[in-house]
Amino acid sequence: MSSDRSAEAPPGFKPPWWLRGPHAQTIGSTLMPQSLPEHRAILRRVALDDGDALAVHDDCPAGWQPGGRIAILSHGLADHHRSPLLVRLTEKLTQRGVRVFRWDMRGCGAGMALARRPYHAGCSGDLAAVVEQVLAWCQPGGIAGGVAGAAESDLSLFGVSLSGNVVLKYLGEDPGRVPHAVRRAISVNPPIDLVTGCESIASRANRIYDRHFTGVLVKHLEEWWRVRPDAVRPAEEMRPRTLRQFDDWFTAPALGYADALDYYRHSSAAQFIPAIRVATTIITSRDDPFVPFEMFSADRVAYPACVRLLATDRGGHVGFIGKGGDDPDNRWLDWRVVEIITGQPVEG
């Protein structure tokens, strides 16, 4: 199967003329003015076996009952539950009766003080803990108990960029541990080959992004260490200037890997995709400046029948700002996610 035949064309994505380029889409999606609703979720906690904990934000629409649809939303690199994309999706899904859980990865958002170990591109074990606990919360009896993974639950997983890789790794590395309640998954612009992705963002064309994200990560580390002085620290002081340097200096040794390449090879989701058994949609763009489309080629990835690849010609990295008309607003990606999770078409 060639990469072109494995990539189905999603319906109707057309960028406006002034946002056609990959960088315009990537940057425009974050700079475009947007009004985000106030935070209404109930803050819950998931305890992990190593003593750390995760913060999970529960938005339960009025009238929701056990057996109703559930979604777990995961954020991207150096982000948290208040990511504009996750907030928009939460609003649109809860309006349609879906109970939404957004989780902060270790040391992020409301969970910054709850962990002394870092999140990373391969933290599928943390997602597994969230899935198990969410299913328990959503059984009859709610927080009081219940049997996790009962057949009546209908759970969707969503991940974007780094967490898109986490979702795919979780689904494929040990398919037998994925509860039957997990009915579908969506992964957006996931760097399923972290080696190729790191090489791409280190290129001259992407150097400004490489420096920006590295600076954001270093700043996040410094804030985390102030909140958790006992959190994992590197053996030596330095100021990395690239993501590869950051992962060699901090991420890899913190996780017990020899170096960044060792970390990337163990954490990349491409090797786990063939074993996925859950209906899964990978949404990406052929012009993503960070995640080269070549990593999705069927020459590199053996896609099972339950995994479909939807690739747009344009859209950048988690951009997908479309022309008005077909959807209720121009956030094309939001509405495709809503359609997949609810099983209902969106009308403009």
Foldseek 3Di string as FASTA:
>chain_A
DWLVVQADADPDQAAPPVQFAQVSLVVVQVPPDDDFDDQDFDWDWFADPVQFIKIKTKDFAPPAAQLWEEEEEEEDALAFCVDVLNRVLCVVQVVVGYIYMYIGFDLHDPRVLRDQAGDFLQVLVNVLSVQQQVQQQRAVVHPNGDHRQPPSAAYEYEYAASVLLSVLQNQFVCVVSDRPNHAEYEYELYQLQVVVLQVLCVDPVNLVVFQVSLVSVVVSVVVSCVSPVNHDDFPDDDRDRGPQVVQQGPVQVSVPHPGNVRVSVVRRSQVRQCRGDHQYEYEYECNASRRHSVCSTCVNHVHDPSYGYHYHPHNYRCRSQGDDDAAPHRNVVSQVVSCVSVVDHGGD
